[in-house]
Amino acid sequence: MHADKLVEAELVDAIEEAHLDLVDADWAPAVVTRLKQLVDQGRTPADWPQSWHWNWRNKMDRIRGLASCPTYAILCEGKVQGLMQLNDSKARCRIAEQAGLDLVYVDFVESAPWNRSEIVDSPRFKGVGSIMLAAAIETSRDLGFKGRIGLHSLPRSEPFYARSGMTDLGIDGTSENLKYFEMTPDQAAAFSK
């Protein structure tokens, strides 16, 4: 969504080399510019964008050829607006009523810098995270996991996952002491409405 108007975008079911080239060319300079501004303002790393150090090319190199790690990109206006890496064999459900069942784990999801209020004053597109969450749910359904997904959230993203209806299972001591969120089939159905 751009300025509260719907725009046409494409969800691509594999991050390709051309997408990574666009990310290298477009995303990195925007993040570096913001980091320089924050440093000039005397802001500490606690104020920096939480995914500033992510390197999507390295992430893709680590999972290249693994069928258990599907990836997605959102393209709009000739630019990559978001990326996501999933894993369908990494984790099992923790919520009591579905403990041990299969789920799709969201390893990484990121919106382009110009879509994030922590980097720009007026984000260009809204809804990238919601589209990615919907894609993770559909991947889960396609695999027979009924929409069950799980993820560890960066602190500034926690309110988004809570608003999306996911269950907050707290900090679990893994994954850099991040909060773990999980979505049940019922929560996935409610999100998809």
N, C-alpha and C. Protein backbone atom coordinates (compact mmCIF):
# COMPACT_ATOMS: atom_id res chain seq x y z
N MET A 1 0.85 -1.16 0.00
CA MET A 1 0.00 0.00 0.00
C MET A 1 0.90 1.23 0.00
N HIS A 2 0.60 2.16 -0.90
CA HIS A 2 1.38 3.38 -1.02
C HIS A 2 0.47 4.56 -0.70
N ALA A 3 0.83 5.32 0.32
CA ALA A 3 0.05 6.49 0.73
C ALA A 3 -1.43 6.14 0.86
N ASP A 4 -1.69 5.04 1.51
CA ASP A 4 -3.05 4.56 1.76
C ASP A 4 -3.83 4.19 0.50
N LYS A 5 -3.13 3.98 -0.61
CA LYS A 5 -3.76 3.48 -1.83
C LYS A 5 -3.10 2.15 -2.17
N LEU A 6 -3.90 1.19 -2.61
CA LEU A 6 -3.35 -0.09 -3.02
C LEU A 6 -2.57 0.06 -4.31
N VAL A 7 -1.46 -0.61 -4.39
CA VAL A 7 -0.65 -0.63 -5.61
C VAL A 7 -0.38 -2.08 -5.96
N GLU A 8 -0.12 -2.31 -7.22
CA GLU A 8 0.16 -3.66 -7.67
C GLU A 8 1.62 -4.01 -7.36
N ALA A 9 1.80 -5.18 -6.79
CA ALA A 9 3.13 -5.69 -6.47
C ALA A 9 3.16 -7.17 -6.84
N GLU A 10 4.34 -7.71 -6.91
CA GLU A 10 4.50 -9.13 -7.26
C GLU A 10 5.22 -9.85 -6.13
N LEU A 11 4.62 -10.94 -5.67
CA LEU A 11 5.27 -11.82 -4.69
C LEU A 11 5.95 -12.93 -5.47
N VAL A 12 7.26 -12.99 -5.39
CA VAL A 12 8.04 -13.97 -6.13
C VAL A 12 8.47 -15.06 -5.16
N ASP A 13 8.30 -16.33 -5.56
CA ASP A 13 8.55 -17.43 -4.62
C ASP A 13 9.98 -17.95 -4.63
N ALA A 14 10.93 -17.12 -4.97
CA ALA A 14 12.35 -17.46 -4.81
C ALA A 14 13.16 -16.17 -4.93
N ILE A 15 14.06 -15.96 -4.00
CA ILE A 15 14.98 -14.83 -4.09
C ILE A 15 16.06 -15.22 -5.09
N GLU A 16 16.18 -14.42 -6.14
CA GLU A 16 17.13 -14.71 -7.21
C GLU A 16 18.31 -13.73 -7.15
N GLU A 17 19.32 -14.03 -7.95
CA GLU A 17 20.52 -13.20 -7.98
C GLU A 17 20.18 -11.75 -8.34
N ALA A 18 19.26 -11.56 -9.26
CA ALA A 18 18.87 -10.19 -9.66
C ALA A 18 18.26 -9.43 -8.48
N HIS A 19 17.52 -10.13 -7.62
CA HIS A 19 16.95 -9.48 -6.43
C HIS A 19 18.05 -9.06 -5.47
N LEU A 20 19.03 -9.93 -5.31
CA LEU A 20 20.15 -9.62 -4.41
C LEU A 20 20.97 -8.44 -4.95
N ASP A 21 21.11 -8.37 -6.28
CA ASP A 21 21.81 -7.23 -6.88
C ASP A 21 21.08 -5.93 -6.57
N LEU A 22 19.74 -5.96 -6.66
CA LEU A 22 18.95 -4.77 -6.33
C LEU A 22 19.08 -4.39 -4.86
N VAL A 23 19.08 -5.40 -3.99
CA VAL A 23 19.23 -5.14 -2.56
C VAL A 23 20.60 -4.52 -2.28
N ASP A 24 21.64 -5.08 -2.89
CA ASP A 24 22.99 -4.51 -2.70
C ASP A 24 23.05 -3.07 -3.19
N ALA A 25 22.41 -2.79 -4.32
CA ALA A 25 22.49 -1.46 -4.92
C ALA A 25 21.61 -0.44 -4.21
N ASP A 26 20.44 -0.88 -3.71
CA ASP A 26 19.45 0.06 -3.17
C ASP A 26 19.37 0.08 -1.64
N TRP A 27 19.36 -1.09 -1.02
CA TRP A 27 19.13 -1.16 0.42
C TRP A 27 20.34 -0.68 1.21
N ALA A 28 21.51 -1.22 0.86
CA ALA A 28 22.71 -0.91 1.66
C ALA A 28 22.99 0.60 1.73
N PRO A 29 22.96 1.34 0.62
CA PRO A 29 23.21 2.78 0.72
C PRO A 29 22.19 3.50 1.61
N ALA A 30 20.94 3.10 1.55
CA ALA A 30 19.91 3.73 2.39
C ALA A 30 20.18 3.49 3.87
N VAL A 31 20.59 2.26 4.21
CA VAL A 31 20.89 1.94 5.61
C VAL A 31 22.14 2.68 6.06
N VAL A 32 23.17 2.71 5.23
CA VAL A 32 24.42 3.41 5.58
C VAL A 32 24.15 4.89 5.80
N THR A 33 23.33 5.49 4.94
CA THR A 33 22.98 6.91 5.10
C THR A 33 22.31 7.13 6.45
N ARG A 34 21.37 6.25 6.81
CA ARG A 34 20.68 6.40 8.09
C ARG A 34 21.64 6.21 9.26
N LEU A 35 22.52 5.22 9.17
CA LEU A 35 23.49 5.00 10.24
C LEU A 35 24.38 6.22 10.44
N LYS A 36 24.81 6.84 9.35
CA LYS A 36 25.65 8.05 9.44
C LYS A 36 24.88 9.17 10.14
N GLN A 37 23.61 9.33 9.80
CA GLN A 37 22.78 10.34 10.45
C GLN A 37 22.69 10.09 11.95
N LEU A 38 22.46 8.84 12.33
CA LEU A 38 22.33 8.50 13.75
C LEU A 38 23.64 8.72 14.50
N VAL A 39 24.75 8.36 13.88
CA VAL A 39 26.06 8.58 14.51
C VAL A 39 26.31 10.08 14.67
N ASP A 40 25.99 10.85 13.63
CA ASP A 40 26.17 12.30 13.70
C ASP A 40 25.31 12.92 14.80
N GLN A 41 24.17 12.31 15.09
CA GLN A 41 23.28 12.79 16.15
C GLN A 41 23.70 12.29 17.53
N GLY A 42 24.79 11.49 17.57
CA GLY A 42 25.26 10.96 18.84
C GLY A 42 24.42 9.79 19.35
N ARG A 43 23.65 9.17 18.48
CA ARG A 43 22.79 8.05 18.88
C ARG A 43 23.64 6.79 19.02
N THR A 44 23.25 5.93 19.93
CA THR A 44 23.99 4.70 20.20
C THR A 44 23.46 3.56 19.32
N PRO A 45 24.20 2.45 19.23
CA PRO A 45 23.73 1.31 18.45
C PRO A 45 22.33 0.81 18.85
N ALA A 46 21.89 1.09 20.07
CA ALA A 46 20.55 0.69 20.48
C ALA A 46 19.48 1.39 19.65
N ASP A 47 19.81 2.52 19.05
CA ASP A 47 18.87 3.27 18.21
C ASP A 47 18.97 2.91 16.73
N TRP A 48 19.96 2.13 16.37
CA TRP A 48 20.17 1.80 14.96
C TRP A 48 19.11 0.82 14.47
N PRO A 49 18.86 0.76 13.16
CA PRO A 49 17.94 -0.25 12.63
C PRO A 49 18.42 -1.64 13.05
N GLN A 50 17.50 -2.45 13.54
CA GLN A 50 17.91 -3.71 14.16
C GLN A 50 18.48 -4.74 13.19
N SER A 51 18.17 -4.61 11.92
CA SER A 51 18.70 -5.56 10.94
C SER A 51 19.80 -4.93 10.09
N TRP A 52 20.40 -3.86 10.58
CA TRP A 52 21.39 -3.12 9.79
C TRP A 52 22.55 -3.98 9.31
N HIS A 53 22.87 -5.02 10.07
CA HIS A 53 24.03 -5.86 9.76
C HIS A 53 23.69 -7.07 8.90
N TRP A 54 22.42 -7.26 8.56
CA TRP A 54 22.04 -8.43 7.76
C TRP A 54 22.60 -8.32 6.35
N ASN A 55 23.06 -9.44 5.85
CA ASN A 55 23.58 -9.53 4.49
C ASN A 55 22.79 -10.64 3.79
N TRP A 56 21.85 -10.24 2.95
CA TRP A 56 20.97 -11.22 2.32
C TRP A 56 21.73 -12.13 1.36
N ARG A 57 22.75 -11.65 0.73
CA ARG A 57 23.53 -12.52 -0.18
C ARG A 57 24.16 -13.66 0.62
N ASN A 58 24.73 -13.35 1.78
CA ASN A 58 25.31 -14.41 2.63
C ASN A 58 24.24 -15.37 3.12
N LYS A 59 23.06 -14.84 3.47
CA LYS A 59 21.97 -15.70 3.93
C LYS A 59 21.57 -16.68 2.82
N MET A 60 21.47 -16.21 1.60
CA MET A 60 21.09 -17.07 0.49
C MET A 60 22.18 -18.08 0.17
N ASP A 61 23.44 -17.68 0.28
CA ASP A 61 24.54 -18.62 0.04
C ASP A 61 24.49 -19.80 1.01
N ARG A 62 24.11 -19.52 2.27
CA ARG A 62 24.07 -20.58 3.28
C ARG A 62 22.98 -21.62 3.03
N ILE A 63 21.91 -21.24 2.35
CA ILE A 63 20.80 -22.17 2.15
C ILE A 63 20.64 -22.62 0.70
N ARG A 64 21.53 -22.19 -0.17
CA ARG A 64 21.42 -22.51 -1.59
C ARG A 64 21.23 -24.02 -1.79
N GLY A 65 20.19 -24.38 -2.52
CA GLY A 65 19.94 -25.78 -2.83
C GLY A 65 19.14 -26.55 -1.78
N LEU A 66 18.80 -25.91 -0.66
CA LEU A 66 18.03 -26.59 0.39
C LEU A 66 16.54 -26.42 0.13
N ALA A 67 15.86 -27.51 -0.20
CA ALA A 67 14.43 -27.45 -0.48
C ALA A 67 13.63 -27.07 0.76
N SER A 68 14.19 -27.29 1.94
CA SER A 68 13.49 -26.98 3.19
C SER A 68 13.51 -25.50 3.55
N CYS A 69 14.14 -24.68 2.71
CA CYS A 69 14.28 -23.25 3.00
C CYS A 69 13.75 -22.39 1.85
N PRO A 70 12.43 -22.33 1.69
CA PRO A 70 11.89 -21.47 0.63
C PRO A 70 12.11 -20.00 0.94
N THR A 71 12.21 -19.20 -0.12
CA THR A 71 12.43 -17.77 0.03
C THR A 71 11.41 -17.01 -0.82
N TYR A 72 11.18 -15.76 -0.44
CA TYR A 72 10.22 -14.91 -1.15
C TYR A 72 10.77 -13.50 -1.27
N ALA A 73 10.34 -12.83 -2.34
CA ALA A 73 10.65 -11.41 -2.54
C ALA A 73 9.37 -10.71 -2.98
N ILE A 74 9.21 -9.48 -2.56
CA ILE A 74 8.12 -8.63 -3.04
C ILE A 74 8.74 -7.56 -3.92
N LEU A 75 8.23 -7.46 -5.15
CA LEU A 75 8.72 -6.49 -6.11
C LEU A 75 7.62 -5.49 -6.44
N CYS A 76 8.00 -4.22 -6.49
CA CYS A 76 7.06 -3.17 -6.85
C CYS A 76 7.86 -1.99 -7.39
N GLU A 77 7.38 -1.43 -8.48
CA GLU A 77 8.04 -0.27 -9.09
C GLU A 77 9.52 -0.51 -9.38
N GLY A 78 9.84 -1.75 -9.79
CA GLY A 78 11.20 -2.08 -10.18
C GLY A 78 12.18 -2.26 -9.04
N LYS A 79 11.69 -2.29 -7.81
CA LYS A 79 12.57 -2.44 -6.64
C LYS A 79 12.09 -3.59 -5.76
N VAL A 80 13.02 -4.15 -5.01
CA VAL A 80 12.69 -5.17 -4.02
C VAL A 80 12.16 -4.45 -2.79
N GLN A 81 10.92 -4.76 -2.42
CA GLN A 81 10.28 -4.11 -1.28
C GLN A 81 10.37 -4.93 0.00
N GLY A 82 10.68 -6.23 -0.13
CA GLY A 82 10.80 -7.08 1.05
C GLY A 82 11.36 -8.44 0.68
N LEU A 83 11.99 -9.08 1.65
CA LEU A 83 12.56 -10.42 1.48
C LEU A 83 12.21 -11.28 2.68
N MET A 84 12.09 -12.60 2.44
CA MET A 84 11.80 -13.53 3.55
C MET A 84 12.44 -14.88 3.26
N GLN A 85 12.99 -15.47 4.30
CA GLN A 85 13.55 -16.82 4.25
C GLN A 85 12.82 -17.67 5.28
N LEU A 86 12.30 -18.82 4.84
CA LEU A 86 11.59 -19.74 5.72
C LEU A 86 12.39 -21.02 5.90
N ASN A 87 11.97 -21.84 6.86
CA ASN A 87 12.55 -23.16 7.06
C ASN A 87 11.44 -24.08 7.53
N ASP A 88 11.19 -25.15 6.76
CA ASP A 88 10.09 -26.04 7.12
C ASP A 88 10.53 -27.29 7.88
N SER A 89 11.79 -27.31 8.31
CA SER A 89 12.24 -28.48 9.07
C SER A 89 13.05 -28.11 10.32
N LYS A 90 13.10 -26.84 10.65
CA LYS A 90 13.95 -26.35 11.74
C LYS A 90 13.32 -26.48 13.12
N ALA A 91 12.00 -26.32 13.21
CA ALA A 91 11.37 -26.20 14.53
C ALA A 91 10.03 -26.93 14.55
N ARG A 92 9.54 -27.16 15.76
CA ARG A 92 8.22 -27.76 15.98
C ARG A 92 7.44 -26.84 16.90
N CYS A 93 6.13 -27.01 16.88
CA CYS A 93 5.25 -26.17 17.68
C CYS A 93 5.55 -26.32 19.17
N ARG A 94 5.36 -25.21 19.89
CA ARG A 94 5.57 -25.19 21.34
C ARG A 94 4.28 -24.94 22.11
N ILE A 95 3.29 -24.30 21.48
CA ILE A 95 2.02 -24.05 22.17
C ILE A 95 1.44 -25.39 22.60
N ALA A 96 0.98 -25.46 23.84
CA ALA A 96 0.59 -26.74 24.45
C ALA A 96 -0.33 -27.58 23.59
N GLU A 97 -1.40 -27.00 23.05
CA GLU A 97 -2.38 -27.81 22.31
C GLU A 97 -1.87 -28.33 20.97
N GLN A 98 -0.70 -27.87 20.53
CA GLN A 98 -0.15 -28.38 19.28
C GLN A 98 1.35 -28.70 19.40
N ALA A 99 1.81 -28.85 20.61
CA ALA A 99 3.23 -29.12 20.87
C ALA A 99 3.73 -30.29 20.05
N GLY A 100 4.87 -30.08 19.41
CA GLY A 100 5.53 -31.13 18.63
C GLY A 100 5.07 -31.23 17.19
N LEU A 101 4.01 -30.52 16.80
CA LEU A 101 3.54 -30.58 15.42
C LEU A 101 4.45 -29.73 14.52
N ASP A 102 4.42 -30.06 13.23
CA ASP A 102 5.23 -29.32 12.27
C ASP A 102 4.74 -27.89 12.11
N LEU A 103 5.67 -26.99 11.85
CA LEU A 103 5.35 -25.61 11.51
C LEU A 103 6.39 -25.08 10.54
N VAL A 104 6.09 -23.95 9.93
CA VAL A 104 7.05 -23.25 9.10
C VAL A 104 7.68 -22.18 9.98
N TYR A 105 8.99 -22.20 10.07
CA TYR A 105 9.72 -21.23 10.87
C TYR A 105 10.18 -20.09 9.95
N VAL A 106 9.92 -18.86 10.36
CA VAL A 106 10.36 -17.68 9.61
C VAL A 106 11.75 -17.32 10.12
N ASP A 107 12.76 -17.69 9.34
CA ASP A 107 14.15 -17.40 9.73
C ASP A 107 14.44 -15.91 9.68
N PHE A 108 14.10 -15.28 8.56
CA PHE A 108 14.37 -13.86 8.39
C PHE A 108 13.27 -13.24 7.53
N VAL A 109 12.86 -12.05 7.88
CA VAL A 109 11.94 -11.27 7.06
C VAL A 109 12.32 -9.80 7.24
N GLU A 110 12.39 -9.09 6.12
CA GLU A 110 12.82 -7.69 6.19
C GLU A 110 12.14 -6.89 5.09
N SER A 111 11.75 -5.70 5.44
CA SER A 111 11.19 -4.75 4.49
C SER A 111 12.30 -3.81 4.03
N ALA A 112 12.16 -3.29 2.82
CA ALA A 112 13.15 -2.35 2.29
C ALA A 112 13.29 -1.15 3.22
N PRO A 113 14.46 -0.55 3.29
CA PRO A 113 14.70 0.57 4.22
C PRO A 113 13.69 1.71 4.07
N TRP A 114 13.29 2.04 2.86
CA TRP A 114 12.37 3.16 2.64
C TRP A 114 10.94 2.83 3.06
N ASN A 115 10.69 1.60 3.51
CA ASN A 115 9.37 1.20 4.02
C ASN A 115 9.34 1.12 5.54
N ARG A 116 10.42 1.53 6.20
CA ARG A 116 10.54 1.33 7.64
C ARG A 116 10.66 2.66 8.38
N SER A 117 9.76 2.86 9.32
CA SER A 117 9.74 4.13 10.05
C SER A 117 10.98 4.33 10.92
N GLU A 118 11.73 3.29 11.21
CA GLU A 118 12.96 3.48 11.98
C GLU A 118 14.09 4.03 11.10
N ILE A 119 13.86 4.07 9.77
CA ILE A 119 14.88 4.55 8.85
C ILE A 119 14.44 5.85 8.15
N VAL A 120 13.16 5.92 7.79
CA VAL A 120 12.64 7.12 7.11
C VAL A 120 11.44 7.68 7.88
N ASP A 121 11.23 8.97 7.75
CA ASP A 121 10.11 9.60 8.45
C ASP A 121 8.75 9.19 7.88
N SER A 122 8.67 9.05 6.56
CA SER A 122 7.42 8.67 5.91
C SER A 122 7.65 7.43 5.05
N PRO A 123 7.36 6.24 5.59
CA PRO A 123 7.56 5.02 4.80
C PRO A 123 6.80 5.07 3.48
N ARG A 124 7.42 4.55 2.45
CA ARG A 124 6.84 4.59 1.11
C ARG A 124 5.69 3.61 0.94
N PHE A 125 5.90 2.35 1.32
CA PHE A 125 4.88 1.32 1.19
C PHE A 125 4.58 0.71 2.55
N LYS A 126 3.32 0.43 2.78
CA LYS A 126 2.88 -0.28 3.99
C LYS A 126 2.43 -1.67 3.58
N GLY A 127 2.39 -2.58 4.54
CA GLY A 127 1.83 -3.90 4.30
C GLY A 127 2.80 -4.97 3.85
N VAL A 128 4.07 -4.63 3.69
CA VAL A 128 5.04 -5.62 3.24
C VAL A 128 5.14 -6.77 4.24
N GLY A 129 5.21 -6.44 5.53
CA GLY A 129 5.28 -7.48 6.56
C GLY A 129 4.05 -8.37 6.57
N SER A 130 2.88 -7.78 6.39
CA SER A 130 1.64 -8.57 6.37
C SER A 130 1.59 -9.50 5.18
N ILE A 131 2.06 -9.03 4.02
CA ILE A 131 2.09 -9.90 2.84
C ILE A 131 3.05 -11.05 3.08
N MET A 132 4.19 -10.77 3.67
CA MET A 132 5.16 -11.83 3.95
C MET A 132 4.60 -12.84 4.95
N LEU A 133 3.93 -12.36 5.99
CA LEU A 133 3.32 -13.26 6.97
C LEU A 133 2.27 -14.14 6.29
N ALA A 134 1.47 -13.56 5.41
CA ALA A 134 0.47 -14.32 4.67
C ALA A 134 1.14 -15.39 3.79
N ALA A 135 2.28 -15.05 3.19
CA ALA A 135 3.00 -16.03 2.37
C ALA A 135 3.53 -17.18 3.22
N ALA A 136 4.01 -16.88 4.42
CA ALA A 136 4.49 -17.93 5.33
C ALA A 136 3.33 -18.85 5.73
N ILE A 137 2.17 -18.27 6.00
CA ILE A 137 0.99 -19.06 6.37
C ILE A 137 0.59 -19.97 5.20
N GLU A 138 0.57 -19.42 3.98
CA GLU A 138 0.20 -20.23 2.82
C GLU A 138 1.21 -21.34 2.57
N THR A 139 2.49 -21.05 2.77
CA THR A 139 3.51 -22.10 2.64
C THR A 139 3.23 -23.21 3.64
N SER A 140 2.90 -22.84 4.87
CA SER A 140 2.56 -23.82 5.90
C SER A 140 1.36 -24.66 5.48
N ARG A 141 0.34 -24.02 4.96
CA ARG A 141 -0.86 -24.76 4.49
C ARG A 141 -0.50 -25.69 3.35
N ASP A 142 0.30 -25.20 2.40
CA ASP A 142 0.69 -26.02 1.26
C ASP A 142 1.43 -27.29 1.70
N LEU A 143 2.15 -27.19 2.79
CA LEU A 143 2.92 -28.33 3.31
C LEU A 143 2.07 -29.23 4.21
N GLY A 144 0.81 -28.86 4.44
CA GLY A 144 -0.06 -29.65 5.31
C GLY A 144 0.08 -29.29 6.77
N PHE A 145 0.71 -28.13 7.09
CA PHE A 145 0.92 -27.71 8.48
C PHE A 145 -0.20 -26.80 8.98
N LYS A 146 -1.23 -26.59 8.16
CA LYS A 146 -2.47 -25.91 8.54
C LYS A 146 -2.29 -24.43 8.93
N GLY A 147 -1.22 -23.80 8.44
CA GLY A 147 -1.01 -22.39 8.75
C GLY A 147 -0.14 -22.14 9.96
N ARG A 148 0.35 -23.19 10.59
CA ARG A 148 1.20 -23.01 11.78
C ARG A 148 2.56 -22.43 11.37
N ILE A 149 2.92 -21.32 12.01
CA ILE A 149 4.23 -20.71 11.79
C ILE A 149 4.81 -20.28 13.12
N GLY A 150 6.11 -20.10 13.16
CA GLY A 150 6.80 -19.61 14.35
C GLY A 150 7.97 -18.74 13.95
N LEU A 151 8.39 -17.88 14.87
CA LEU A 151 9.53 -17.01 14.60
C LEU A 151 10.04 -16.37 15.88
N HIS A 152 11.26 -15.95 15.84
CA HIS A 152 11.83 -15.11 16.89
C HIS A 152 11.82 -13.68 16.35
N SER A 153 11.33 -12.75 17.13
CA SER A 153 11.12 -11.38 16.68
C SER A 153 12.20 -10.43 17.19
N LEU A 154 12.65 -9.55 16.30
CA LEU A 154 13.44 -8.43 16.77
C LEU A 154 12.54 -7.58 17.66
N PRO A 155 13.09 -6.97 18.71
CA PRO A 155 12.24 -6.24 19.68
C PRO A 155 11.29 -5.22 19.07
N ARG A 156 11.72 -4.44 18.09
CA ARG A 156 10.83 -3.42 17.52
C ARG A 156 9.71 -4.02 16.67
N SER A 157 9.81 -5.29 16.32
CA SER A 157 8.76 -5.95 15.53
C SER A 157 7.74 -6.68 16.38
N GLU A 158 8.01 -6.80 17.67
CA GLU A 158 7.10 -7.55 18.55
C GLU A 158 5.66 -7.05 18.49
N PRO A 159 5.41 -5.73 18.52
CA PRO A 159 4.01 -5.27 18.44
C PRO A 159 3.30 -5.71 17.16
N PHE A 160 4.02 -5.75 16.04
CA PHE A 160 3.42 -6.20 14.78
C PHE A 160 2.95 -7.64 14.89
N TYR A 161 3.79 -8.52 15.43
CA TYR A 161 3.40 -9.93 15.52
C TYR A 161 2.26 -10.12 16.52
N ALA A 162 2.26 -9.36 17.59
CA ALA A 162 1.15 -9.42 18.55
C ALA A 162 -0.15 -8.96 17.88
N ARG A 163 -0.11 -7.85 17.14
CA ARG A 163 -1.30 -7.36 16.42
C ARG A 163 -1.76 -8.35 15.36
N SER A 164 -0.83 -9.14 14.84
CA SER A 164 -1.17 -10.12 13.80
C SER A 164 -1.85 -11.35 14.38
N GLY A 165 -1.97 -11.41 15.72
CA GLY A 165 -2.67 -12.51 16.36
C GLY A 165 -1.80 -13.66 16.79
N MET A 166 -0.49 -13.51 16.69
CA MET A 166 0.41 -14.58 17.09
C MET A 166 0.50 -14.65 18.62
N THR A 167 0.80 -15.82 19.13
CA THR A 167 0.97 -16.03 20.56
C THR A 167 2.41 -15.72 20.95
N ASP A 168 2.58 -14.85 21.93
CA ASP A 168 3.89 -14.48 22.46
C ASP A 168 4.27 -15.51 23.52
N LEU A 169 5.28 -16.30 23.24
CA LEU A 169 5.74 -17.32 24.18
C LEU A 169 6.96 -16.86 24.98
N GLY A 170 7.29 -15.58 24.87
CA GLY A 170 8.35 -15.00 25.68
C GLY A 170 9.74 -15.29 25.17
N ILE A 171 10.70 -14.79 25.92
CA ILE A 171 12.11 -15.02 25.59
C ILE A 171 12.46 -16.43 26.00
N ASP A 172 13.04 -17.16 25.07
CA ASP A 172 13.28 -18.58 25.35
C ASP A 172 14.74 -18.94 25.54
N GLY A 173 15.64 -17.95 25.54
CA GLY A 173 17.05 -18.23 25.77
C GLY A 173 17.80 -18.67 24.53
N THR A 174 17.08 -18.86 23.41
CA THR A 174 17.75 -19.18 22.15
C THR A 174 17.72 -17.95 21.28
N SER A 175 18.35 -18.00 20.15
CA SER A 175 18.28 -16.94 19.14
C SER A 175 18.48 -15.54 19.73
N GLU A 176 19.60 -15.35 20.40
CA GLU A 176 20.00 -14.04 20.94
C GLU A 176 18.98 -13.44 21.90
N ASN A 177 18.31 -14.28 22.67
CA ASN A 177 17.32 -13.85 23.67
C ASN A 177 16.19 -13.00 23.08
N LEU A 178 15.71 -13.42 21.94
CA LEU A 178 14.58 -12.76 21.30
C LEU A 178 13.28 -13.46 21.72
N LYS A 179 12.17 -12.71 21.68
CA LYS A 179 10.87 -13.31 21.98
C LYS A 179 10.46 -14.23 20.85
N TYR A 180 9.85 -15.35 21.26
CA TYR A 180 9.37 -16.34 20.29
C TYR A 180 7.86 -16.20 20.15
N PHE A 181 7.39 -16.13 18.90
CA PHE A 181 5.97 -16.04 18.59
C PHE A 181 5.56 -17.25 17.75
N GLU A 182 4.33 -17.68 17.96
CA GLU A 182 3.82 -18.82 17.20
C GLU A 182 2.38 -18.55 16.80
N MET A 183 2.00 -19.09 15.65
CA MET A 183 0.63 -18.92 15.15
C MET A 183 -0.01 -20.29 14.99
N THR A 184 -1.21 -20.43 15.55
CA THR A 184 -1.99 -21.67 15.44
C THR A 184 -2.80 -21.64 14.15
N PRO A 185 -3.39 -22.76 13.75
CA PRO A 185 -4.28 -22.75 12.59
C PRO A 185 -5.45 -21.78 12.74
N ASP A 186 -6.03 -21.68 13.93
CA ASP A 186 -7.13 -20.74 14.14
C ASP A 186 -6.65 -19.29 14.00
N GLN A 187 -5.48 -19.00 14.54
CA GLN A 187 -4.92 -17.64 14.41
C GLN A 187 -4.59 -17.34 12.94
N ALA A 188 -4.11 -18.35 12.22
CA ALA A 188 -3.80 -18.16 10.80
C ALA A 188 -5.08 -17.88 10.02
N ALA A 189 -6.15 -18.59 10.33
CA ALA A 189 -7.44 -18.35 9.65
C ALA A 189 -7.93 -16.95 9.92
N ALA A 190 -7.81 -16.50 11.18
CA ALA A 190 -8.26 -15.14 11.52
C ALA A 190 -7.41 -14.10 10.80
N PHE A 191 -6.10 -14.32 10.72
CA PHE A 191 -5.21 -13.38 10.03
C PHE A 191 -5.55 -13.30 8.55
N SER A 192 -5.90 -14.43 7.95
CA SER A 192 -6.15 -14.49 6.50
C SER A 192 -7.48 -13.91 6.07
N LYS A 193 -8.35 -13.59 7.02
CA LYS A 193 -9.67 -13.04 6.65
C LYS A 193 -9.57 -11.64 6.13
